[in-house]
Amino acid sequence: DALRYPIMVVLGPSFTGKTEWAKSLFRNPLELIVGPLLHFPESMRKFDRRVRDAIVLDDVRDMSFVTENQDKLQGKYDRMVEFASTQGGTCAYEKDLFAIPIVVTVNYSTAHLGFLESHDWLGKAANRVVVTLPLTAQ
């Protein structure tokens, strides 16, 4: 457990600067616009830990995205994380996300916000930090 890092969830109304604030915490984060997707956007392929120092998952509209991708968001200290592969496994792409800060921006209308309290992984304070705008940490 000491090798796991919590994700940050920035919660607030639309157009309150959540994404800009999240990006300002890092020198060169990769911003991925998730919206209603339940899988990582294609632009995740652009992530290079030698260039990027964080990932900001913007405008997540369903917390199921976060819970379904727990394995990716936690990163692994001893291996790459697979993001996609063909059925036969001949083509795939993986990323090293160990110790890479992950920030998720969500609105009050995001589906399944209750997961922040009730989900087995996301509901535990040790696994996530919630910041609400105006800036107050939970």
Protein backbone atom coordinates (compact mmCIF):
# COMPACT_ATOMS: atom_id res chain seq x y z
CA ASP A 1 0.00 0.00 0.00
CA ALA A 2 2.92 2.37 0.56
CA LEU A 3 3.59 2.20 -3.18
CA ARG A 4 0.09 3.40 -4.08
CA TYR A 5 -0.62 7.05 -4.55
CA PRO A 6 -3.98 8.76 -4.11
CA ILE A 7 -5.65 10.47 -7.02
CA MET A 8 -6.98 14.01 -6.69
CA VAL A 9 -10.61 14.75 -7.54
CA VAL A 10 -11.41 18.42 -8.17
CA LEU A 11 -15.14 18.97 -7.71
CA GLY A 12 -17.09 22.10 -8.51
CA PRO A 13 -19.63 23.79 -10.76
CA SER A 14 -18.96 24.21 -14.48
CA PHE A 15 -16.78 27.13 -15.52
CA THR A 16 -15.11 27.64 -12.13
CA GLY A 17 -11.57 27.00 -13.33
CA LYS A 18 -11.15 23.43 -12.09
CA THR A 19 -9.04 22.32 -15.03
CA GLU A 20 -6.88 25.43 -15.11
CA TRP A 21 -6.26 25.15 -11.36
CA ALA A 22 -5.39 21.44 -11.66
CA LYS A 23 -2.96 22.09 -14.51
CA SER A 24 -1.34 24.94 -12.59
CA LEU A 25 -0.12 22.43 -9.98
CA PHE A 26 2.36 20.94 -12.46
CA ARG A 27 4.98 22.08 -14.97
CA ASN A 28 3.76 20.10 -17.97
CA PRO A 29 0.69 17.93 -17.41
CA LEU A 30 -1.12 16.00 -20.13
CA GLU A 31 -4.75 17.08 -20.29
CA LEU A 32 -7.13 14.37 -21.49
CA ILE A 33 -10.74 15.37 -22.14
CA VAL A 34 -12.76 12.38 -20.97
CA GLY A 35 -16.33 13.71 -21.04
CA PRO A 36 -18.81 10.81 -21.30
CA LEU A 37 -16.22 8.19 -22.29
CA LEU A 38 -15.81 5.08 -20.17
CA HIS A 39 -12.37 4.34 -21.66
CA PHE A 40 -9.21 6.42 -21.94
CA PRO A 41 -9.16 8.74 -24.94
CA GLU A 42 -6.82 7.98 -27.82
CA SER A 43 -4.66 10.94 -26.82
CA MET A 44 -3.41 8.91 -23.83
CA ARG A 45 -0.89 7.52 -26.31
CA LYS A 46 0.84 10.92 -26.14
CA PHE A 47 1.80 10.45 -22.50
CA ASP A 48 5.57 10.32 -22.02
CA ARG A 49 6.77 10.48 -18.42
CA ARG A 50 10.05 12.05 -19.57
CA VAL A 51 8.03 15.05 -20.80
CA ARG A 52 4.83 15.06 -18.74
CA ASP A 53 4.75 15.32 -14.96
CA ALA A 54 1.02 14.61 -14.40
CA ILE A 55 -2.23 13.63 -16.07
CA VAL A 56 -5.39 15.74 -15.78
CA LEU A 57 -8.53 13.82 -16.69
CA ASP A 58 -10.87 16.65 -17.59
CA ASP A 59 -14.64 16.80 -17.40
CA VAL A 60 -15.24 13.21 -16.27
CA ARG A 61 -19.02 12.84 -16.46
CA ASP A 62 -19.35 9.47 -14.78
CA MET A 63 -17.32 8.29 -11.80
CA SER A 64 -17.62 4.80 -13.28
CA PHE A 65 -14.75 5.87 -15.54
CA VAL A 66 -12.58 6.28 -12.45
CA THR A 67 -13.63 3.05 -10.76
CA GLU A 68 -13.43 0.95 -13.94
CA ASN A 69 -9.91 2.24 -14.57
CA GLN A 70 -8.63 1.84 -11.01
CA ASP A 71 -5.82 -0.44 -12.15
CA LYS A 72 -4.53 2.22 -14.53
CA LEU A 73 -4.98 5.16 -12.19
CA GLN A 74 -3.05 3.51 -9.38
CA GLY A 75 -0.09 2.72 -11.60
CA LYS A 76 2.18 -0.22 -10.84
CA TYR A 77 5.66 0.02 -9.39
CA ASP A 78 6.86 -3.13 -11.10
CA ARG A 79 5.26 -3.08 -14.54
CA MET A 80 3.68 -1.08 -17.30
CA VAL A 81 -0.08 -0.55 -17.40
CA GLU A 82 -1.86 -1.84 -20.50
CA PHE A 83 -4.32 0.58 -22.06
CA ALA A 84 -5.38 -1.32 -25.15
CA SER A 85 -4.66 -4.46 -27.08
CA THR A 86 -6.06 -6.37 -29.98
CA GLN A 87 -7.99 -9.56 -29.37
CA GLY A 88 -5.04 -11.69 -30.43
CA GLY A 89 -2.61 -9.55 -28.45
CA THR A 90 -0.40 -8.75 -31.44
CA CYS A 91 -0.88 -4.99 -31.02
CA ALA A 92 -1.00 -3.21 -27.68
CA TYR A 93 0.13 -0.09 -25.92
CA GLU A 94 1.30 0.32 -22.36
CA LYS A 95 2.36 3.24 -20.18
CA ASP A 96 4.44 3.57 -17.02
CA LEU A 97 2.23 5.51 -14.59
CA PHE A 98 4.00 4.68 -11.35
CA ALA A 99 4.07 7.78 -9.09
CA ILE A 100 2.51 9.97 -11.80
CA PRO A 101 0.00 12.37 -10.22
CA ILE A 102 -3.53 11.92 -11.56
CA VAL A 103 -6.13 14.69 -11.24
CA VAL A 104 -9.78 14.17 -12.19
CA THR A 105 -12.09 17.15 -12.70
CA VAL A 106 -15.81 16.63 -12.12
CA ASN A 107 -18.98 18.71 -11.82
CA TYR A 108 -21.73 18.35 -9.26
CA SER A 109 -23.84 16.77 -12.03
CA THR A 110 -21.30 13.99 -12.69
CA ALA A 111 -22.97 10.58 -12.51
CA HIS A 112 -22.16 8.32 -9.56
CA LEU A 113 -20.57 11.03 -7.39
CA GLY A 114 -21.69 8.88 -4.46
CA PHE A 115 -18.77 6.57 -5.31
CA LEU A 116 -16.58 9.12 -3.50
CA GLU A 117 -18.17 7.82 -0.30
CA SER A 118 -19.47 4.34 -1.07
CA HIS A 119 -17.09 2.63 -3.51
CA ASP A 120 -14.69 0.04 -2.09
CA TRP A 121 -11.63 1.82 -3.52
CA LEU A 122 -12.69 5.37 -4.34
CA GLY A 123 -14.62 5.79 -1.10
CA LYS A 124 -11.48 5.43 1.02
CA ALA A 125 -9.77 8.70 1.90
CA ALA A 126 -6.34 7.06 1.57
CA ASN A 127 -7.01 6.46 -2.13
CA ARG A 128 -8.24 9.90 -3.14
CA VAL A 129 -8.10 13.54 -2.15
CA VAL A 130 -11.19 15.61 -2.92
CA VAL A 131 -10.81 19.34 -3.45
CA THR A 132 -13.96 21.37 -3.94
CA LEU A 133 -14.15 24.82 -5.47
CA PRO A 134 -13.92 27.25 -3.86
CA LEU A 135 -10.79 25.50 -2.58
CA THR A 136 -11.59 23.34 0.43
CA ALA A 137 -10.05 19.91 0.95
CA GLN A 138 -12.01 16.93 2.25
